Protein backbone atom coordinates (compact mmCIF):
# COMPACT_ATOMS: atom_id res chain seq x y z
CA MET A 1 -15.54 -102.06 141.03
CA VAL A 2 -15.20 -102.80 144.73
CA LEU A 3 -17.86 -101.66 147.21
CA ASN A 4 -16.47 -100.05 150.35
CA LYS A 5 -18.05 -98.63 153.49
CA GLU A 6 -15.75 -96.81 155.89
CA ILE A 7 -15.97 -94.40 158.78
CA ILE A 8 -14.02 -91.28 157.81
CA GLN A 9 -13.88 -88.25 160.09
CA GLY A 10 -16.82 -89.65 162.04
CA ASP A 11 -19.04 -90.16 158.99
CA THR A 12 -20.00 -93.43 157.30
CA ILE A 13 -19.15 -93.17 153.61
CA GLU A 14 -20.11 -95.79 151.03
CA TYR A 15 -18.29 -95.74 147.71
CA TRP A 16 -17.19 -97.87 144.78
CA ASP A 17 -13.55 -97.83 143.68
CA ASN A 18 -11.89 -99.85 140.93
CA LYS A 19 -8.54 -99.30 142.70
CA GLN A 20 -6.54 -98.61 139.56
CA TYR A 21 -4.01 -96.68 141.60
CA ASP A 22 -1.67 -95.88 138.70
CA LYS A 23 -4.41 -94.37 136.51
CA PRO A 24 -5.86 -90.82 136.45
CA ALA A 25 -8.67 -90.43 139.00
CA VAL A 26 -12.25 -89.63 137.99
CA LEU A 27 -14.80 -88.81 140.69
CA LEU A 28 -18.47 -89.19 139.65
CA ILE A 29 -21.08 -87.39 141.79
CA HIS A 30 -24.70 -88.47 141.49
CA GLY A 31 -27.87 -86.39 141.62
CA PHE A 32 -31.14 -87.02 143.43
CA GLY A 33 -32.56 -90.45 142.73
CA ALA A 34 -31.43 -93.99 143.41
CA THR A 35 -27.92 -94.80 144.60
CA THR A 36 -24.89 -93.76 142.60
CA LYS A 37 -24.25 -97.09 140.84
CA TYR A 38 -27.62 -96.86 139.07
CA GLN A 39 -26.78 -93.39 137.77
CA TRP A 40 -23.25 -94.06 136.53
CA PHE A 41 -23.08 -97.69 135.42
CA LYS A 42 -22.96 -96.75 131.72
CA GLN A 43 -19.95 -94.50 132.36
CA VAL A 44 -18.12 -96.94 134.63
CA LYS A 45 -18.07 -99.45 131.76
CA ILE A 46 -16.08 -97.14 129.51
CA LEU A 47 -13.84 -95.63 132.21
CA LYS A 48 -12.78 -98.52 134.43
CA LYS A 49 -9.97 -99.77 132.17
CA ASP A 50 -8.05 -96.51 131.75
CA TYR A 51 -9.05 -94.50 134.84
CA ARG A 52 -9.33 -94.89 138.55
CA VAL A 53 -13.06 -94.48 139.03
CA VAL A 54 -14.53 -93.49 142.40
CA ILE A 55 -18.31 -93.21 142.76
CA PRO A 56 -19.48 -92.34 146.29
CA ASN A 57 -22.97 -92.18 147.68
CA LEU A 58 -23.60 -88.72 149.07
CA PHE A 59 -24.97 -88.33 152.60
CA HIS A 60 -28.48 -89.79 152.94
CA PHE A 61 -28.11 -91.96 149.83
CA GLY A 62 -27.32 -95.65 150.01
CA ASN A 63 -25.42 -96.36 153.21
CA SER A 64 -23.61 -93.01 153.48
CA LYS A 65 -24.65 -91.50 156.78
CA PRO A 66 -23.20 -88.49 158.60
CA GLY A 67 -22.17 -88.77 162.23
CA SER A 68 -24.31 -85.72 162.99
CA LYS A 69 -27.05 -83.76 161.21
CA LYS A 70 -25.65 -82.66 157.85
CA PHE A 71 -27.86 -81.48 155.01
CA LYS A 72 -26.07 -78.56 153.36
CA ILE A 73 -24.22 -78.54 150.04
CA GLN A 74 -21.01 -77.75 151.91
CA ASP A 75 -21.50 -80.83 154.09
CA GLN A 76 -21.43 -82.98 150.96
CA VAL A 77 -18.35 -81.12 149.66
CA ASP A 78 -16.55 -81.66 152.96
CA MET A 79 -17.40 -85.35 152.87
CA LEU A 80 -15.91 -85.70 149.38
CA GLN A 81 -12.78 -83.81 150.40
CA ASN A 82 -12.37 -86.16 153.34
CA LEU A 83 -12.89 -89.20 151.12
CA LEU A 84 -10.36 -88.03 148.54
CA ALA A 85 -7.81 -87.32 151.29
CA HIS A 86 -8.45 -90.76 152.80
CA LEU A 87 -7.87 -92.37 149.40
CA GLU A 88 -4.73 -90.24 148.92
CA ILE A 89 -6.00 -88.87 145.61
CA GLU A 90 -4.15 -85.61 144.97
CA LYS A 91 -5.33 -84.82 141.43
CA TYR A 92 -8.67 -85.66 139.90
CA VAL A 93 -11.33 -85.06 137.28
CA VAL A 94 -14.74 -84.43 138.83
CA CYS A 95 -18.08 -84.96 137.10
CA GLY A 96 -21.54 -84.25 138.52
CA VAL A 97 -25.16 -84.29 137.40
CA SER A 98 -27.95 -81.98 138.63
CA TYR A 99 -27.67 -81.76 142.46
CA GLY A 100 -24.32 -83.52 142.14
CA GLY A 101 -23.21 -80.95 139.58
CA LEU A 102 -23.55 -78.13 142.10
CA ILE A 103 -21.53 -80.17 144.58
CA ALA A 104 -18.95 -80.90 141.86
CA ILE A 105 -18.41 -77.25 140.94
CA GLU A 106 -18.18 -76.29 144.61
CA LEU A 107 -15.56 -79.00 145.15
CA ALA A 108 -13.70 -77.76 142.07
CA ASN A 109 -13.87 -74.10 143.14
CA GLN A 110 -12.52 -74.90 146.60
CA ASN A 111 -9.73 -77.20 145.38
CA LYS A 112 -8.39 -75.54 142.25
CA GLU A 113 -4.87 -76.90 142.76
CA LYS A 114 -6.18 -80.49 142.70
CA LEU A 115 -8.64 -80.15 139.83
CA GLU A 116 -7.60 -81.45 136.42
CA LYS A 117 -10.93 -81.20 134.59
CA LEU A 118 -14.57 -80.49 135.44
CA ILE A 119 -17.65 -81.99 133.78
CA ILE A 120 -21.12 -80.90 134.86
CA PHE A 121 -24.46 -81.42 133.20
CA ASP A 122 -28.06 -80.38 133.61
CA THR A 123 -27.17 -78.33 136.67
CA PRO A 124 -27.78 -74.57 136.37
CA VAL A 125 -25.62 -73.73 139.46
CA LYS A 126 -25.91 -69.89 139.61
CA PHE A 127 -28.76 -69.76 137.13
CA ILE A 128 -31.59 -71.32 139.07
CA TYR A 129 -34.24 -68.90 140.29
CA GLU A 130 -36.85 -69.06 143.02
CA THR A 131 -39.56 -68.70 140.36
CA ASP A 132 -38.33 -71.96 138.80
CA ILE A 133 -39.66 -73.88 141.78
CA ALA A 134 -43.27 -72.86 141.15
CA VAL A 135 -42.91 -73.59 137.43
CA VAL A 136 -41.56 -77.09 138.03
CA CYS A 137 -44.27 -77.88 140.58
CA LYS A 138 -46.99 -76.65 138.22
CA THR A 139 -45.54 -78.54 135.26
CA PHE A 140 -45.49 -81.82 137.15
CA ASN A 141 -48.68 -81.25 139.11
CA SER A 142 -47.02 -81.41 142.52
CA GLU A 143 -47.47 -79.26 145.59
CA ASN A 144 -43.74 -79.05 146.29
CA LEU A 145 -40.32 -80.30 145.22
CA HIS A 146 -40.23 -82.75 148.11
CA ASP A 147 -43.01 -84.78 146.51
CA ILE A 148 -41.17 -84.82 143.19
CA PHE A 149 -37.61 -85.66 144.28
CA ALA A 150 -38.31 -87.61 147.46
CA PRO A 151 -41.52 -89.42 146.53
CA SER A 152 -43.52 -91.08 149.28
CA ASP A 153 -44.60 -94.07 147.18
CA ALA A 154 -43.82 -96.12 144.08
CA LYS A 155 -46.19 -94.07 141.92
CA GLY A 156 -44.22 -90.93 142.75
CA LEU A 157 -40.96 -92.76 141.99
CA LYS A 158 -42.20 -93.65 138.53
CA LYS A 159 -43.06 -90.00 137.95
CA LEU A 160 -39.56 -88.97 139.03
CA MET A 161 -37.97 -91.51 136.68
CA CYS A 162 -40.03 -90.19 133.78
CA ILE A 163 -39.05 -86.61 134.62
CA THR A 164 -35.32 -87.31 134.87
CA THR A 165 -35.04 -89.57 131.83
CA GLY A 166 -37.36 -87.49 129.69
CA LYS A 167 -39.40 -90.44 128.53
CA TYR A 168 -42.09 -92.82 129.71
CA SER A 169 -41.06 -96.44 130.10
CA TYR A 170 -42.85 -99.46 131.43
CA ILE A 171 -41.50 -100.74 134.72
CA PRO A 172 -43.31 -103.48 136.64
CA ALA A 173 -45.12 -102.17 139.71
CA ASN A 174 -43.43 -104.74 141.95
CA SER A 175 -39.96 -103.57 140.86
CA LEU A 176 -40.86 -99.97 141.58
CA ARG A 177 -42.20 -100.81 145.02
CA GLU A 178 -39.03 -102.73 145.84
CA MET A 179 -36.83 -99.91 144.54
CA HIS A 180 -38.76 -97.31 146.52
CA LYS A 181 -38.51 -99.38 149.69
CA ALA A 182 -34.77 -99.94 149.21
CA HIS A 183 -33.74 -96.42 148.23
CA TYR A 184 -36.29 -94.02 149.74
CA LEU A 185 -38.47 -95.38 152.50
CA SER A 186 -35.82 -95.89 155.18
CA ASN A 187 -34.68 -92.25 155.21
CA LEU A 188 -37.36 -90.29 153.37
CA ASP A 189 -37.31 -87.51 155.99
CA ASP A 190 -33.56 -87.05 155.55
CA LYS A 191 -33.88 -86.77 151.77
CA ARG A 192 -36.63 -84.20 152.21
CA ALA A 193 -34.42 -82.29 154.66
CA LEU A 194 -31.77 -82.14 151.91
CA ILE A 195 -34.33 -80.56 149.57
CA THR A 196 -35.36 -78.04 152.23
CA SER A 197 -31.70 -77.11 152.69
CA ILE A 198 -31.16 -76.69 148.94
CA LEU A 199 -34.18 -74.42 148.65
CA GLY A 200 -32.86 -72.33 151.53
CA GLU A 201 -29.51 -71.87 149.78
CA ILE A 202 -30.65 -70.87 146.27
CA LYS A 203 -29.70 -67.22 146.78
CA VAL A 204 -26.36 -68.19 148.31
CA TYR A 205 -25.28 -70.05 145.19
CA ALA A 206 -26.88 -67.54 142.83
CA ASN A 207 -24.47 -64.98 144.28
CA ARG A 208 -21.45 -67.30 144.41
CA GLU A 209 -18.51 -66.39 142.20
CA TYR A 210 -16.73 -69.26 140.45
CA GLU A 211 -13.27 -69.13 138.93
CA ILE A 212 -12.54 -72.45 137.28
CA ASN A 213 -9.26 -72.38 135.40
CA ALA A 214 -9.25 -76.07 134.46
CA PRO A 215 -10.87 -77.28 131.23
CA THR A 216 -14.62 -77.54 131.78
CA LEU A 217 -17.33 -79.40 129.88
CA VAL A 218 -20.98 -78.39 130.28
CA ILE A 219 -23.54 -80.79 128.77
CA TRP A 220 -27.32 -80.49 128.59
CA GLY A 221 -30.16 -82.68 127.41
CA SER A 222 -32.27 -80.83 124.84
CA ASN A 223 -35.45 -82.21 126.42
CA ASP A 224 -34.60 -81.43 130.02
CA GLU A 225 -38.00 -80.65 131.54
CA LEU A 226 -36.57 -79.19 134.74
CA PHE A 227 -34.10 -76.64 133.35
CA PRO A 228 -33.90 -75.57 129.69
CA PRO A 229 -30.61 -75.80 127.75
CA GLU A 230 -30.40 -71.99 127.76
CA ARG A 231 -29.35 -72.22 131.41
CA GLY A 232 -26.43 -74.42 130.42
CA LYS A 233 -25.34 -71.87 127.82
CA MET A 234 -25.56 -69.12 130.43
CA LEU A 235 -23.40 -71.15 132.80
CA SER A 236 -20.85 -71.98 130.11
CA ASP A 237 -20.60 -68.32 129.05
CA TYR A 238 -20.19 -67.29 132.67
CA LEU A 239 -17.36 -69.78 133.23
CA GLY A 240 -15.48 -68.31 130.28
CA GLY A 241 -12.96 -69.51 127.74
CA ASN A 242 -12.07 -72.76 129.48
CA ALA A 243 -15.65 -74.01 129.20
CA GLU A 244 -17.26 -75.90 126.33
CA PHE A 245 -21.02 -76.37 125.94
CA TYR A 246 -22.85 -79.17 124.16
CA VAL A 247 -26.52 -80.09 123.87
CA ILE A 248 -27.47 -83.75 123.42
CA LYS A 249 -30.47 -84.05 121.12
CA ASN A 250 -33.48 -85.73 122.73
CA GLY A 251 -31.58 -86.05 126.00
CA GLY A 252 -33.54 -85.56 129.21
CA HIS A 253 -32.33 -84.38 132.60
CA MET A 254 -29.92 -87.34 132.79
CA PRO A 255 -28.51 -87.75 129.27
CA ASN A 256 -25.71 -89.96 130.63
CA VAL A 257 -28.35 -92.66 131.11
CA ILE A 258 -30.90 -92.13 128.35
CA LYS A 259 -28.42 -91.02 125.67
CA ALA A 260 -25.33 -92.79 126.94
CA LYS A 261 -23.70 -93.31 123.53
CA GLN A 262 -23.65 -89.61 122.69
CA PHE A 263 -22.79 -88.62 126.24
CA ASN A 264 -19.92 -91.09 126.52
CA LYS A 265 -18.45 -89.93 123.22
CA LEU A 266 -18.33 -86.32 124.44
CA PHE A 267 -17.06 -87.45 127.83
CA LEU A 268 -14.19 -89.59 126.51
CA GLU A 269 -13.10 -87.08 123.88
CA PHE A 270 -12.92 -84.41 126.55
CA LEU A 271 -10.96 -86.61 128.96
CA GLU A 272 -8.48 -87.73 126.33
CA ARG A 273 -7.51 -84.29 125.08
């Protein structure tokens, strides 16, 4: 994978690309957390030989920075459309997790003629409710979502990692402090502005109508502590006959990381059909 950083339509976009120009394109969209390579490295390993793999950092993650203030979901969608056009990718599979899953389905819905397949997981899309916010905050003993998803210190980062993976693991304090400094501290206010924007748009996307005609795979971790698997089933049923739904046993909010073997099996079987 080759790391690139380019100015496209006035925005700085950082992305990895294995530049397999003659292979089918797969776009992987990360969720909240560290940069994209830390969220997708277990998928890149199995995809890079047979697919052109593109994994961008969304605005305010890594070194992707908009030329002006941009915090909305549509801003991220526009950035991805500009990147795909710049790379001259006309057809693609798009996959997204959590926050990135909402961006993925929006990209798919707005570019039906370019979409080959859609894979989204642990992202309720239409089926997230304002009452969920209070439940999540109470469950994780936090005053607001900003403290959970854009933690102000290494202790908060460890909490976020436990929430998203669904399990407690020992990570040296020094490593966590370094990771927090590298991935959060420099633009913490921007990440929190993203969260504020998402919260302000919940009703917008709850009322959005999606018509995805391409084959769609919806995956959920059975132990997702943010959104229960029932939300994934609701989304799959809503999307209709082109959608398949699978639950990964003992998977957390990011089963592609914590249950990579099972996730990758579902992923590859779906791509190869």
